[in-house]
Amino acid sequence: MSHVIVSNPGRLLKVFRDDAGRYSYGVPSSCRAGVYYRCDANACACPSAQYRPWKVCRHMEAARDFEAREALVS
């Protein structure tokens, strides 16, 4: 079960924390309005990450940047 920590229209991402204390994020799509992709710093459900799993997608970059700023380490 995940709990939404931050879900604010003024922020670009939604932050989730599961029962084990791990964080994941809902990061918005750049081409589809209202669509968010669930990711963490190492994996993402977006089409780009599925098509090129060896490459870090922009959603994972956003998660990494957020964790660095907020000092969230799971």
Protein backbone atom coordinates (compact mmCIF):
# COMPACT_ATOMS: atom_id res chain seq x y z
CA MET A 1 0.00 0.00 0.00
CA SER A 2 1.33 3.43 -0.94
CA HIS A 3 0.60 6.69 0.77
CA VAL A 4 0.66 9.98 -1.11
CA ILE A 5 3.05 12.33 0.67
CA VAL A 6 2.86 15.29 -1.71
CA SER A 7 0.18 15.80 -4.33
CA ASN A 8 0.02 19.48 -5.04
CA PRO A 9 -0.95 21.13 -8.34
CA GLY A 10 1.86 23.65 -7.79
CA ARG A 11 4.47 20.88 -7.74
CA LEU A 12 5.41 18.87 -10.79
CA LEU A 13 5.60 15.49 -9.12
CA LYS A 14 3.63 13.37 -6.70
CA VAL A 15 5.58 11.66 -3.94
CA PHE A 16 4.56 8.23 -2.62
CA ARG A 17 5.96 6.22 0.28
CA ASP A 18 5.14 2.54 0.69
CA ASP A 19 4.84 0.59 3.94
CA ALA A 20 8.54 -0.36 3.77
CA GLY A 21 9.52 3.33 3.64
CA ARG A 22 10.58 3.33 -0.03
CA TYR A 23 9.78 6.41 -2.10
CA SER A 24 8.42 6.53 -5.62
CA TYR A 25 7.15 9.43 -7.68
CA GLY A 26 4.47 10.36 -10.15
CA VAL A 27 6.18 12.52 -12.76
CA PRO A 28 4.09 14.17 -15.49
CA SER A 29 4.37 13.27 -19.14
CA SER A 30 5.80 15.99 -21.35
CA CYS A 31 3.45 15.14 -24.24
CA ARG A 32 0.24 13.86 -22.64
CA ALA A 33 -1.63 16.28 -20.41
CA GLY A 34 -2.77 14.80 -17.12
CA VAL A 35 -0.65 11.63 -17.48
CA TYR A 36 1.85 10.79 -14.74
CA TYR A 37 4.40 7.99 -14.86
CA ARG A 38 5.29 6.14 -11.66
CA CYS A 39 9.03 5.91 -11.12
CA ASP A 40 11.87 5.95 -8.65
CA ALA A 41 15.51 6.90 -9.14
CA ASN A 42 16.28 3.60 -10.94
CA ALA A 43 13.14 2.52 -12.83
CA CYS A 44 10.22 4.08 -14.67
CA ALA A 45 7.00 2.91 -16.29
CA CYS A 46 7.16 5.43 -19.17
CA PRO A 47 7.40 4.32 -22.81
CA SER A 48 10.90 5.81 -23.15
CA ALA A 49 12.26 3.74 -20.25
CA GLN A 50 10.54 0.61 -21.55
CA TYR A 51 11.93 1.13 -25.06
CA ARG A 52 15.45 2.08 -23.90
CA PRO A 53 15.96 0.42 -20.49
CA TRP A 54 19.71 1.16 -20.51
CA LYS A 55 19.09 4.92 -20.59
CA VAL A 56 17.91 7.17 -17.74
CA CYS A 57 14.63 8.83 -18.75
CA ARG A 58 13.64 12.35 -17.76
CA HIS A 59 11.24 10.99 -15.12
CA MET A 60 14.08 9.15 -13.35
CA GLU A 61 16.22 12.31 -13.65
CA ALA A 62 13.43 14.28 -11.95
CA ALA A 63 13.20 11.68 -9.17
CA ARG A 64 16.98 11.80 -8.65
CA ASP A 65 16.99 15.60 -8.60
CA PHE A 66 14.13 15.65 -6.11
CA GLU A 67 15.84 13.11 -3.84
CA ALA A 68 19.08 15.10 -3.94
CA ARG A 69 17.25 18.34 -3.06
CA GLU A 70 15.03 16.83 -0.39
CA ALA A 71 17.64 14.34 0.94
CA LEU A 72 15.19 11.42 0.57
CA VAL A 73 17.09 8.19 0.52
CA SER A 74 15.22 4.91 0.73
